[in-house]
Amino acid sequence: MIKQAKKIWGKRNKDISASYTVEAAGVMALVLFSIMVLLNQSFHVRAETVGKFSVHEEVERERHAISNADNKEVTRQAQGMRWGLEVTAPIFRPEKSLRMWSLLEREGKDEN
């Protein structure tokens, strides 16, 4: 009777360990799939961020360029896999505003 119990218990242990192996394989498949999805999303977010920053940098360089002094604003567009961006910024000319301030200061001094 003890030998039969040992045989049955031994078979049960083998069956139980095999079922754990199958469950662990299923869990690992889900874990690896979720890691793959998270990596894909992180690469997408990185690509979108780099693309948008490059458009902003280009607009900032163009709005300060002397060659664009005659324009009123600069517009640039970019598109990625699942994103699009259009950035418009006015031309930055501080020397014009400084001249206007100096004229105002002169007029104020002339009136005194």
PDB file of N, CA and C in Angstrom:
ATOM      1  N   MET A   1       0.819  -1.189   0.000  1.00  0.00           N
ATOM      2  CA  MET A   1       0.000   0.000   0.000  1.00  0.00           C
ATOM      3  C   MET A   1       0.867   1.259   0.000  1.00  0.00           C
ATOM      4  N   ILE A   2       1.945   1.246   0.751  1.00  0.00           N
ATOM      5  CA  ILE A   2       2.849   2.392   0.808  1.00  0.00           C
ATOM      6  C   ILE A   2       3.519   2.577  -0.545  1.00  0.00           C
ATOM      7  N   LYS A   3       3.891   1.472  -1.185  1.00  0.00           N
ATOM      8  CA  LYS A   3       4.513   1.569  -2.490  1.00  0.00           C
ATOM      9  C   LYS A   3       3.548   2.167  -3.504  1.00  0.00           C
ATOM     10  N   GLN A   4       2.273   1.776  -3.434  1.00  0.00           N
ATOM     11  CA  GLN A   4       1.268   2.336  -4.350  1.00  0.00           C
ATOM     12  C   GLN A   4       1.069   3.819  -4.085  1.00  0.00           C
ATOM     13  N   ALA A   5       1.077   4.222  -2.839  1.00  0.00           N
ATOM     14  CA  ALA A   5       0.915   5.634  -2.490  1.00  0.00           C
ATOM     15  C   ALA A   5       2.101   6.442  -3.002  1.00  0.00           C
ATOM     16  N   LYS A   6       3.300   5.880  -2.862  1.00  0.00           N
ATOM     17  CA  LYS A   6       4.488   6.565  -3.360  1.00  0.00           C
ATOM     18  C   LYS A   6       4.436   6.711  -4.877  1.00  0.00           C
ATOM     19  N   LYS A   7       3.950   5.674  -5.555  1.00  0.00           N
ATOM     20  CA  LYS A   7       3.838   5.747  -7.009  1.00  0.00           C
ATOM     21  C   LYS A   7       2.832   6.818  -7.421  1.00  0.00           C
ATOM     22  N   ILE A   8       1.704   6.824  -6.753  1.00  0.00           N
ATOM     23  CA  ILE A   8       0.659   7.813  -7.080  1.00  0.00           C
ATOM     24  C   ILE A   8       1.159   9.220  -6.741  1.00  0.00           C
ATOM     25  N   TRP A   9       1.772   9.378  -5.561  1.00  0.00           N
ATOM     26  CA  TRP A   9       2.288  10.687  -5.156  1.00  0.00           C
ATOM     27  C   TRP A   9       3.398  11.148  -6.091  1.00  0.00           C
ATOM     28  N   GLY A  10       4.235  10.273  -6.500  1.00  0.00           N
ATOM     29  CA  GLY A  10       5.294  10.601  -7.442  1.00  0.00           C
ATOM     30  C   GLY A  10       4.726  11.046  -8.783  1.00  0.00           C
ATOM     31  N   LYS A  11       3.688  10.379  -9.253  1.00  0.00           N
ATOM     32  CA  LYS A  11       3.049  10.786 -10.509  1.00  0.00           C
ATOM     33  C   LYS A  11       2.383  12.145 -10.358  1.00  0.00           C
ATOM     34  N   ARG A  12       1.781  12.374  -9.234  1.00  0.00           N
ATOM     35  CA  ARG A  12       1.119  13.664  -9.018  1.00  0.00           C
ATOM     36  C   ARG A  12       2.138  14.801  -8.994  1.00  0.00           C
ATOM     37  N   ASN A  13       3.254  14.592  -8.354  1.00  0.00           N
ATOM     38  CA  ASN A  13       4.288  15.618  -8.321  1.00  0.00           C
ATOM     39  C   ASN A  13       4.788  15.934  -9.721  1.00  0.00           C
ATOM     40  N   LYS A  14       4.959  14.919 -10.539  1.00  0.00           N
ATOM     41  CA  LYS A  14       5.394  15.145 -11.908  1.00  0.00           C
ATOM     42  C   LYS A  14       4.326  15.893 -12.692  1.00  0.00           C
ATOM     43  N   ASP A  15       3.078  15.549 -12.492  1.00  0.00           N
ATOM     44  CA  ASP A  15       1.991  16.244 -13.186  1.00  0.00           C
ATOM     45  C   ASP A  15       1.898  17.692 -12.742  1.00  0.00           C
ATOM     46  N   ILE A  16       2.066  17.908 -11.457  1.00  0.00           N
ATOM     47  CA  ILE A  16       1.984  19.272 -10.936  1.00  0.00           C
ATOM     48  C   ILE A  16       3.140  20.109 -11.475  1.00  0.00           C
ATOM     49  N   SER A  17       4.342  19.595 -11.479  1.00  0.00           N
ATOM     50  CA  SER A  17       5.471  20.373 -11.971  1.00  0.00           C
ATOM     51  C   SER A  17       5.329  20.653 -13.464  1.00  0.00           C
ATOM     52  N   ALA A  18       4.764  19.733 -14.210  1.00  0.00           N
ATOM     53  CA  ALA A  18       4.541  19.963 -15.636  1.00  0.00           C
ATOM     54  C   ALA A  18       3.496  21.044 -15.846  1.00  0.00           C
ATOM     55  N   SER A  19       2.460  21.079 -15.033  1.00  0.00           N
ATOM     56  CA  SER A  19       1.439  22.113 -15.198  1.00  0.00           C
ATOM     57  C   SER A  19       2.008  23.484 -14.843  1.00  0.00           C
ATOM     58  N   TYR A  20       2.905  23.529 -13.830  1.00  0.00           N
ATOM     59  CA  TYR A  20       3.557  24.795 -13.527  1.00  0.00           C
ATOM     60  C   TYR A  20       4.412  25.274 -14.691  1.00  0.00           C
ATOM     61  N   THR A  21       5.056  24.379 -15.367  1.00  0.00           N
ATOM     62  CA  THR A  21       5.888  24.733 -16.517  1.00  0.00           C
ATOM     63  C   THR A  21       5.038  25.321 -17.632  1.00  0.00           C
ATOM     64  N   VAL A  22       3.891  24.720 -17.886  1.00  0.00           N
ATOM     65  CA  VAL A  22       3.001  25.233 -18.934  1.00  0.00           C
ATOM     66  C   VAL A  22       2.459  26.605 -18.546  1.00  0.00           C
ATOM     67  N   GLU A  23       2.068  26.763 -17.287  1.00  0.00           N
ATOM     68  CA  GLU A  23       1.569  28.064 -16.836  1.00  0.00           C
ATOM     69  C   GLU A  23       2.667  29.122 -16.888  1.00  0.00           C
ATOM     70  N   ALA A  24       3.869  28.749 -16.500  1.00  0.00           N
ATOM     71  CA  ALA A  24       4.982  29.696 -16.537  1.00  0.00           C
ATOM     72  C   ALA A  24       5.287  30.106 -17.977  1.00  0.00           C
ATOM     73  N   ALA A  25       5.184  29.190 -18.905  1.00  0.00           N
ATOM     74  CA  ALA A  25       5.406  29.525 -20.318  1.00  0.00           C
ATOM     75  C   ALA A  25       4.343  30.514 -20.798  1.00  0.00           C
ATOM     76  N   GLY A  26       3.106  30.317 -20.382  1.00  0.00           N
ATOM     77  CA  GLY A  26       2.039  31.258 -20.748  1.00  0.00           C
ATOM     78  C   GLY A  26       2.251  32.624 -20.137  1.00  0.00           C
ATOM     79  N   VAL A  27       2.651  32.658 -18.874  1.00  0.00           N
ATOM     80  CA  VAL A  27       2.905  33.929 -18.198  1.00  0.00           C
ATOM     81  C   VAL A  27       4.084  34.645 -18.844  1.00  0.00           C
ATOM     82  N   MET A  28       5.146  33.910 -19.155  1.00  0.00           N
ATOM     83  CA  MET A  28       6.317  34.525 -19.794  1.00  0.00           C
ATOM     84  C   MET A  28       5.969  35.085 -21.172  1.00  0.00           C
ATOM     85  N   ALA A  29       5.093  34.397 -21.904  1.00  0.00           N
ATOM     86  CA  ALA A  29       4.668  34.922 -23.201  1.00  0.00           C
ATOM     87  C   ALA A  29       3.960  36.263 -23.029  1.00  0.00           C
ATOM     88  N   LEU A  30       3.099  36.356 -22.028  1.00  0.00           N
ATOM     89  CA  LEU A  30       2.400  37.620 -21.767  1.00  0.00           C
ATOM     90  C   LEU A  30       3.371  38.709 -21.302  1.00  0.00           C
ATOM     91  N   VAL A  31       4.300  38.363 -20.455  1.00  0.00           N
ATOM     92  CA  VAL A  31       5.272  39.341 -19.957  1.00  0.00           C
ATOM     93  C   VAL A  31       6.136  39.856 -21.101  1.00  0.00           C
ATOM     94  N   LEU A  32       6.649  38.968 -21.932  1.00  0.00           N
ATOM     95  CA  LEU A  32       7.493  39.394 -23.050  1.00  0.00           C
ATOM     96  C   LEU A  32       6.711  40.215 -24.068  1.00  0.00           C
ATOM     97  N   PHE A  33       5.448  39.850 -24.305  1.00  0.00           N
ATOM     98  CA  PHE A  33       4.615  40.632 -25.221  1.00  0.00           C
ATOM     99  C   PHE A  33       4.378  42.035 -24.672  1.00  0.00           C
ATOM    100  N   SER A  34       4.108  42.151 -23.366  1.00  0.00           N
ATOM    101  CA  SER A  34       3.878  43.481 -22.781  1.00  0.00           C
ATOM    102  C   SER A  34       5.162  44.317 -22.815  1.00  0.00           C
ATOM    103  N   ILE A  35       6.323  43.699 -22.602  1.00  0.00           N
ATOM    104  CA  ILE A  35       7.591  44.434 -22.703  1.00  0.00           C
ATOM    105  C   ILE A  35       7.803  44.918 -24.128  1.00  0.00           C
ATOM    106  N   MET A  36       7.469  44.080 -25.105  1.00  0.00           N
ATOM    107  CA  MET A  36       7.609  44.471 -26.504  1.00  0.00           C
ATOM    108  C   MET A  36       6.713  45.669 -26.836  1.00  0.00           C
ATOM    109  N   VAL A  37       5.480  45.652 -26.337  1.00  0.00           N
ATOM    110  CA  VAL A  37       4.557  46.762 -26.589  1.00  0.00           C
ATOM    111  C   VAL A  37       5.067  48.038 -25.928  1.00  0.00           C
ATOM    112  N   LEU A  38       5.562  47.939 -24.702  1.00  0.00           N
ATOM    113  CA  LEU A  38       6.093  49.115 -24.011  1.00  0.00           C
ATOM    114  C   LEU A  38       7.318  49.686 -24.722  1.00  0.00           C
ATOM    115  N   LEU A  39       8.204  48.834 -25.213  1.00  0.00           N
ATOM    116  CA  LEU A  39       9.361  49.314 -25.966  1.00  0.00           C
ATOM    117  C   LEU A  39       8.934  50.012 -27.257  1.00  0.00           C
ATOM    118  N   ASN A  40       7.957  49.446 -27.933  1.00  0.00           N
ATOM    119  CA  ASN A  40       7.451  50.062 -29.164  1.00  0.00           C
ATOM    120  C   ASN A  40       6.885  51.444 -28.870  1.00  0.00           C
ATOM    121  N   GLN A  41       6.113  51.563 -27.819  1.00  0.00           N
ATOM    122  CA  GLN A  41       5.540  52.859 -27.451  1.00  0.00           C
ATOM    123  C   GLN A  41       6.634  53.854 -27.058  1.00  0.00           C
ATOM    124  N   SER A  42       7.639  53.392 -26.345  1.00  0.00           N
ATOM    125  CA  SER A  42       8.701  54.314 -25.937  1.00  0.00           C
ATOM    126  C   SER A  42       9.491  54.808 -27.151  1.00  0.00           C
ATOM    127  N   PHE A  43       9.756  53.938 -28.122  1.00  0.00           N
ATOM    128  CA  PHE A  43      10.443  54.388 -29.335  1.00  0.00           C
ATOM    129  C   PHE A  43       9.578  55.362 -30.131  1.00  0.00           C
ATOM    130  N   HIS A  44       8.270  55.141 -30.143  1.00  0.00           N
ATOM    131  CA  HIS A  44       7.363  56.059 -30.841  1.00  0.00           C
ATOM    132  C   HIS A  44       7.377  57.432 -30.163  1.00  0.00           C
ATOM    133  N   VAL A  45       7.289  57.461 -28.852  1.00  0.00           N
ATOM    134  CA  VAL A  45       7.284  58.737 -28.122  1.00  0.00           C
ATOM    135  C   VAL A  45       8.607  59.466 -28.324  1.00  0.00           C
ATOM    136  N   ARG A  46       9.715  58.730 -28.322  1.00  0.00           N
ATOM    137  CA  ARG A  46      11.011  59.351 -28.553  1.00  0.00           C
ATOM    138  C   ARG A  46      11.103  59.957 -29.946  1.00  0.00           C
ATOM    139  N   ALA A  47      10.659  59.212 -30.952  1.00  0.00           N
ATOM    140  CA  ALA A  47      10.714  59.723 -32.325  1.00  0.00           C
ATOM    141  C   ALA A  47       9.832  60.957 -32.484  1.00  0.00           C
ATOM    142  N   GLU A  48       8.668  60.948 -31.875  1.00  0.00           N
ATOM    143  CA  GLU A  48       7.771  62.104 -31.951  1.00  0.00           C
ATOM    144  C   GLU A  48       8.401  63.319 -31.272  1.00  0.00           C
ATOM    145  N   THR A  49       8.997  63.129 -30.116  1.00  0.00           N
ATOM    146  CA  THR A  49       9.619  64.229 -29.384  1.00  0.00           C
ATOM    147  C   THR A  49      10.790  64.816 -30.164  1.00  0.00           C
ATOM    148  N   VAL A  50      11.640  63.956 -30.714  1.00  0.00           N
ATOM    149  CA  VAL A  50      12.787  64.433 -31.488  1.00  0.00           C
ATOM    150  C   VAL A  50      12.312  65.186 -32.727  1.00  0.00           C
ATOM    151  N   GLY A  51      11.279  64.684 -33.405  1.00  0.00           N
ATOM    152  CA  GLY A  51      10.753  65.356 -34.589  1.00  0.00           C
ATOM    153  C   GLY A  51      10.190  66.729 -34.267  1.00  0.00           C
ATOM    154  N   LYS A  52       9.425  66.817 -33.200  1.00  0.00           N
ATOM    155  CA  LYS A  52       8.833  68.102 -32.833  1.00  0.00           C
ATOM    156  C   LYS A  52       9.890  69.104 -32.387  1.00  0.00           C
ATOM    157  N   PHE A  53      10.890  68.642 -31.647  1.00  0.00           N
ATOM    158  CA  PHE A  53      11.958  69.550 -31.232  1.00  0.00           C
ATOM    159  C   PHE A  53      12.757  70.047 -32.423  1.00  0.00           C
ATOM    160  N   SER A  54      12.977  69.201 -33.417  1.00  0.00           N
ATOM    161  CA  SER A  54      13.735  69.651 -34.588  1.00  0.00           C
ATOM    162  C   SER A  54      12.959  70.702 -35.368  1.00  0.00           C
ATOM    163  N   VAL A  55      11.630  70.569 -35.438  1.00  0.00           N
ATOM    164  CA  VAL A  55      10.816  71.594 -36.113  1.00  0.00           C
ATOM    165  C   VAL A  55      10.886  72.911 -35.339  1.00  0.00           C
ATOM    166  N   HIS A  56      10.770  72.846 -34.029  1.00  0.00           N
ATOM    167  CA  HIS A  56      10.862  74.070 -33.219  1.00  0.00           C
ATOM    168  C   HIS A  56      12.230  74.722 -33.359  1.00  0.00           C
ATOM    169  N   GLU A  57      13.277  73.924 -33.367  1.00  0.00           N
ATOM    170  CA  GLU A  57      14.621  74.476 -33.516  1.00  0.00           C
ATOM    171  C   GLU A  57      14.789  75.153 -34.881  1.00  0.00           C
ATOM    172  N   GLU A  58      14.265  74.529 -35.925  1.00  0.00           N
ATOM    173  CA  GLU A  58      14.354  75.126 -37.261  1.00  0.00           C
ATOM    174  C   GLU A  58      13.602  76.441 -37.333  1.00  0.00           C
ATOM    175  N   VAL A  59      12.428  76.502 -36.737  1.00  0.00           N
ATOM    176  CA  VAL A  59      11.651  77.747 -36.729  1.00  0.00           C
ATOM    177  C   VAL A  59      12.401  78.837 -35.966  1.00  0.00           C
ATOM    178  N   GLU A  60      12.988  78.495 -34.839  1.00  0.00           N
ATOM    179  CA  GLU A  60      13.727  79.502 -34.064  1.00  0.00           C
ATOM    180  C   GLU A  60      14.936  80.016 -34.835  1.00  0.00           C
ATOM    181  N   ARG A  61      15.630  79.140 -35.523  1.00  0.00           N
ATOM    182  CA  ARG A  61      16.782  79.588 -36.317  1.00  0.00           C
ATOM    183  C   ARG A  61      16.333  80.488 -37.471  1.00  0.00           C
ATOM    184  N   GLU A  62      15.242  80.127 -38.122  1.00  0.00           N
ATOM    185  CA  GLU A  62      14.751  80.904 -39.260  1.00  0.00           C
ATOM    186  C   GLU A  62      14.200  82.264 -38.836  1.00  0.00           C
ATOM    187  N   ARG A  63      13.560  82.327 -37.695  1.00  0.00           N
ATOM    188  CA  ARG A  63      12.965  83.611 -37.292  1.00  0.00           C
ATOM    189  C   ARG A  63      14.014  84.614 -36.856  1.00  0.00           C
ATOM    190  N   HIS A  64      15.216  84.149 -36.519  1.00  0.00           N
ATOM    191  CA  HIS A  64      16.309  85.051 -36.165  1.00  0.00           C
ATOM    192  C   HIS A  64      17.252  85.312 -37.333  1.00  0.00           C
ATOM    193  N   ALA A  65      17.063  84.644 -38.460  1.00  0.00           N
ATOM    194  CA  ALA A  65      17.963  84.803 -39.611  1.00  0.00           C
ATOM    195  C   ALA A  65      17.728  86.148 -40.285  1.00  0.00           C
ATOM    196  N   ILE A  66      18.785  86.761 -40.730  1.00  0.00           N
ATOM    197  CA  ILE A  66      18.694  88.063 -41.390  1.00  0.00           C
ATOM    198  C   ILE A  66      18.017  87.930 -42.749  1.00  0.00           C
ATOM    199  N   SER A  67      18.158  86.780 -43.382  1.00  0.00           N
ATOM    200  CA  SER A  67      17.566  86.592 -44.709  1.00  0.00           C
ATOM    201  C   SER A  67      16.037  86.644 -44.672  1.00  0.00           C
ATOM    202  N   ASN A  68      15.430  86.469 -43.521  1.00  0.00           N
ATOM    203  CA  ASN A  68      13.964  86.517 -43.401  1.00  0.00           C
ATOM    204  C   ASN A  68      13.467  87.845 -42.836  1.00  0.00           C
ATOM    205  N   ALA A  69      14.248  88.907 -42.954  1.00  0.00           N
ATOM    206  CA  ALA A  69      13.875  90.195 -42.363  1.00  0.00           C
ATOM    207  C   ALA A  69      12.631  90.789 -43.015  1.00  0.00           C
ATOM    208  N   ASP A  70      12.380  90.478 -44.281  1.00  0.00           N
ATOM    209  CA  ASP A  70      11.233  91.047 -44.976  1.00  0.00           C
ATOM    210  C   ASP A  70       9.928  90.315 -44.660  1.00  0.00           C
ATOM    211  N   ASN A  71      10.002  89.104 -44.186  1.00  0.00           N
ATOM    212  CA  ASN A  71       8.797  88.324 -43.882  1.00  0.00           C
ATOM    213  C   ASN A  71       8.221  88.728 -42.532  1.00  0.00           C
ATOM    214  N   LYS A  72       6.947  88.438 -42.333  1.00  0.00           N
ATOM    215  CA  LYS A  72       6.318  88.727 -41.049  1.00  0.00           C
ATOM    216  C   LYS A  72       6.375  87.542 -40.098  1.00  0.00           C
ATOM    217  N   GLU A  73       6.360  86.313 -40.661  1.00  0.00           N
ATOM    218  CA  GLU A  73       6.390  85.129 -39.822  1.00  0.00           C
ATOM    219  C   GLU A  73       7.015  83.951 -40.576  1.00  0.00           C
ATOM    220  N   VAL A  74       7.402  82.947 -39.821  1.00  0.00           N
ATOM    221  CA  VAL A  74       8.000  81.736 -40.377  1.00  0.00           C
ATOM    222  C   VAL A  74       7.096  80.561 -40.034  1.00  0.00           C
ATOM    223  N   THR A  75       6.807  79.719 -41.010  1.00  0.00           N
ATOM    224  CA  THR A  75       5.972  78.545 -40.787  1.00  0.00           C
ATOM    225  C   THR A  75       6.703  77.310 -41.293  1.00  0.00           C
ATOM    226  N   ARG A  76       6.746  76.275 -40.461  1.00  0.00           N
ATOM    227  CA  ARG A  76       7.349  75.008 -40.842  1.00  0.00           C
ATOM    228  C   ARG A  76       6.403  73.875 -40.449  1.00  0.00           C
ATOM    229  N   GLN A  77       6.403  72.824 -41.260  1.00  0.00           N
ATOM    230  CA  GLN A  77       5.565  71.658 -41.006  1.00  0.00           C
ATOM    231  C   GLN A  77       6.429  70.405 -40.985  1.00  0.00           C
ATOM    232  N   ALA A  78       5.963  69.409 -40.233  1.00  0.00           N
ATOM    233  CA  ALA A  78       6.632  68.109 -40.213  1.00  0.00           C
ATOM    234  C   ALA A  78       5.595  67.047 -39.894  1.00  0.00           C
ATOM    235  N   GLN A  79       5.836  65.856 -40.427  1.00  0.00           N
ATOM    236  CA  GLN A  79       4.948  64.736 -40.140  1.00  0.00           C
ATOM    237  C   GLN A  79       5.764  63.494 -39.875  1.00  0.00           C
ATOM    238  N   GLY A  80       5.291  62.708 -38.945  1.00  0.00           N
ATOM    239  CA  GLY A  80       5.914  61.433 -38.625  1.00  0.00           C
ATOM    240  C   GLY A  80       4.939  60.312 -38.889  1.00  0.00           C
ATOM    241  N   MET A  81       5.182  59.186 -38.246  1.00  0.00           N
ATOM    242  CA  MET A  81       4.331  58.027 -38.477  1.00  0.00           C
ATOM    243  C   MET A  81       2.899  58.261 -37.988  1.00  0.00           C
ATOM    244  N   ARG A  82       2.766  58.720 -36.737  1.00  0.00           N
ATOM    245  CA  ARG A  82       1.429  58.972 -36.191  1.00  0.00           C
ATOM    246  C   ARG A  82       1.305  60.365 -35.594  1.00  0.00           C
ATOM    247  N   TRP A  83       2.032  61.315 -36.113  1.00  0.00           N
ATOM    248  CA  TRP A  83       1.964  62.672 -35.585  1.00  0.00           C
ATOM    249  C   TRP A  83       2.232  63.668 -36.704  1.00  0.00           C
ATOM    250  N   GLY A  84       1.771  64.865 -36.507  1.00  0.00           N
ATOM    251  CA  GLY A  84       2.007  65.965 -37.432  1.00  0.00           C
ATOM    252  C   GLY A  84       2.086  67.259 -36.636  1.00  0.00           C
ATOM    253  N   LEU A  85       2.852  68.213 -37.156  1.00  0.00           N
ATOM    254  CA  LEU A  85       3.043  69.464 -36.425  1.00  0.00           C
ATOM    255  C   LEU A  85       3.271  70.595 -37.404  1.00  0.00           C
ATOM    256  N   GLU A  86       2.656  71.729 -37.117  1.00  0.00           N
ATOM    257  CA  GLU A  86       2.900  72.963 -37.866  1.00  0.00           C
ATOM    258  C   GLU A  86       3.193  74.055 -36.858  1.00  0.00           C
ATOM    259  N   VAL A  87       4.347  74.698 -37.016  1.00  0.00           N
ATOM    260  CA  VAL A  87       4.769  75.741 -36.084  1.00  0.00           C
ATOM    261  C   VAL A  87       4.891  77.054 -36.851  1.00  0.00           C
ATOM    262  N   THR A  88       4.251  78.093 -36.323  1.00  0.00           N
ATOM    263  CA  THR A  88       4.326  79.433 -36.906  1.00  0.00           C
ATOM    264  C   THR A  88       4.803  80.393 -35.826  1.00  0.00           C
ATOM    265  N   ALA A  89       5.794  81.215 -36.165  1.00  0.00           N
ATOM    266  CA  ALA A  89       6.332  82.180 -35.205  1.00  0.00           C
ATOM    267  C   ALA A  89       6.617  83.482 -35.929  1.00  0.00           C
ATOM    268  N   PRO A  90       6.390  84.630 -35.271  1.00  0.00           N
ATOM    269  CA  PRO A  90       6.704  85.914 -35.907  1.00  0.00           C
ATOM    270  C   PRO A  90       8.222  86.113 -36.000  1.00  0.00           C
ATOM    271  N   ILE A  91       8.626  86.912 -36.964  1.00  0.00           N
ATOM    272  CA  ILE A  91      10.044  87.232 -37.129  1.00  0.00           C
ATOM    273  C   ILE A  91      10.490  88.087 -35.957  1.00  0.00           C
ATOM    274  N   PHE A  92      11.648  87.797 -35.430  1.00  0.00           N
ATOM    275  CA  PHE A  92      12.182  88.503 -34.257  1.00  0.00           C
ATOM    276  C   PHE A  92      13.249  89.488 -34.716  1.00  0.00           C
ATOM    277  N   ARG A  93      12.952  90.758 -34.576  1.00  0.00           N
ATOM    278  CA  ARG A  93      13.895  91.820 -34.935  1.00  0.00           C
ATOM    279  C   ARG A  93      14.005  92.787 -33.776  1.00  0.00           C
ATOM    280  N   PRO A  94      14.898  92.559 -32.835  1.00  0.00           N
ATOM    281  CA  PRO A  94      14.990  93.450 -31.669  1.00  0.00           C
ATOM    282  C   PRO A  94      15.522  94.834 -32.024  1.00  0.00           C
ATOM    283  N   GLU A  95      16.301  94.928 -33.107  1.00  0.00           N
ATOM    284  CA  GLU A  95      16.867  96.245 -33.436  1.00  0.00           C
ATOM    285  C   GLU A  95      15.777  97.239 -33.816  1.00  0.00           C
ATOM    286  N   LYS A  96      14.686  96.776 -34.404  1.00  0.00           N
ATOM    287  CA  LYS A  96      13.588  97.685 -34.739  1.00  0.00           C
ATOM    288  C   LYS A  96      12.938  98.240 -33.480  1.00  0.00           C
ATOM    289  N   SER A  97      12.685  97.352 -32.524  1.00  0.00           N
ATOM    290  CA  SER A  97      12.060  97.839 -31.297  1.00  0.00           C
ATOM    291  C   SER A  97      13.029  98.737 -30.510  1.00  0.00           C
ATOM    292  N   LEU A  98      14.340  98.438 -30.568  1.00  0.00           N
ATOM    293  CA  LEU A  98      15.313  99.301 -29.884  1.00  0.00           C
ATOM    294  C   LEU A  98      15.360 100.688 -30.519  1.00  0.00           C
ATOM    295  N   ARG A  99      15.266 100.753 -31.829  1.00  0.00           N
ATOM    296  CA  ARG A  99      15.226 102.060 -32.496  1.00  0.00           C
ATOM    297  C   ARG A  99      13.990 102.841 -32.087  1.00  0.00           C
ATOM    298  N   MET A 100      12.860 102.145 -32.013  1.00  0.00           N
ATOM    299  CA  MET A 100      11.629 102.826 -31.607  1.00  0.00           C
ATOM    300  C   MET A 100      11.751 103.348 -30.175  1.00  0.00           C
ATOM    301  N   TRP A 101      12.350 102.582 -29.278  1.00  0.00           N
ATOM    302  CA  TRP A 101      12.540 103.032 -27.911  1.00  0.00           C
ATOM    303  C   TRP A 101      13.465 104.245 -27.859  1.00  0.00           C
ATOM    304  N   SER A 102      14.520 104.228 -28.661  1.00  0.00           N
ATOM    305  CA  SER A 102      15.442 105.367 -28.644  1.00  0.00           C
ATOM    306  C   SER A 102      14.750 106.617 -29.186  1.00  0.00           C
ATOM    307  N   LEU A 103      13.873 106.472 -30.171  1.00  0.00           N
ATOM    308  CA  LEU A 103      13.110 107.624 -30.664  1.00  0.00           C
ATOM    309  C   LEU A 103      12.190 108.167 -29.581  1.00  0.00           C
ATOM    310  N   LEU A 104      11.550 107.284 -28.853  1.00  0.00           N
ATOM    311  CA  LEU A 104      10.665 107.723 -27.776  1.00  0.00           C
ATOM    312  C   LEU A 104      11.454 108.433 -26.677  1.00  0.00           C
ATOM    313  N   GLU A 105      12.628 107.931 -26.365  1.00  0.00           N
ATOM    314  CA  GLU A 105      13.444 108.569 -25.334  1.00  0.00           C
ATOM    315  C   GLU A 105      13.903 109.953 -25.785  1.00  0.00           C
ATOM    316  N   ARG A 106      14.261 110.103 -27.059  1.00  0.00           N
ATOM    317  CA  ARG A 106      14.671 111.416 -27.586  1.00  0.00           C
ATOM    318  C   ARG A 106      13.534 112.403 -27.526  1.00  0.00           C
ATOM    319  N   GLU A 107      12.335 111.939 -27.916  1.00  0.00           N
ATOM    320  CA  GLU A 107      11.182 112.847 -27.885  1.00  0.00           C
ATOM    321  C   GLU A 107      10.890 113.278 -26.463  1.00  0.00           C
ATOM    322  N   GLY A 108      11.056 112.378 -25.513  1.00  0.00           N
ATOM    323  CA  GLY A 108      10.832 112.727 -24.107  1.00  0.00           C
ATOM    324  C   GLY A 108      11.843 113.733 -23.601  1.00  0.00           C
ATOM    325  N   LYS A 109      13.103 113.634 -24.028  1.00  0.00           N
ATOM    326  CA  LYS A 109      14.146 114.574 -23.611  1.00  0.00           C
ATOM    327  C   LYS A 109      13.966 115.922 -24.274  1.00  0.00           C
ATOM    328  N   ASP A 110      13.486 115.919 -25.549  1.00  0.00           N
ATOM    329  CA  ASP A 110      13.296 117.175 -26.271  1.00  0.00           C
ATOM    330  C   ASP A 110      12.167 117.993 -25.645  1.00  0.00           C
ATOM    331  N   GLU A 111      11.162 117.342 -25.091  1.00  0.00           N
ATOM    332  CA  GLU A 111      10.020 118.062 -24.516  1.00  0.00           C
ATOM    333  C   GLU A 111      10.408 118.723 -23.203  1.00  0.00           C
ATOM    334  N   ASN A 112      11.387 118.172 -22.473  1.00  0.00           N
ATOM    335  CA  ASN A 112      11.799 118.755 -21.191  1.00  0.00           C
ATOM    336  C   ASN A 112      12.584 119.958 -21.424  1.00  0.00           C
TER     337      ASN A 112
END
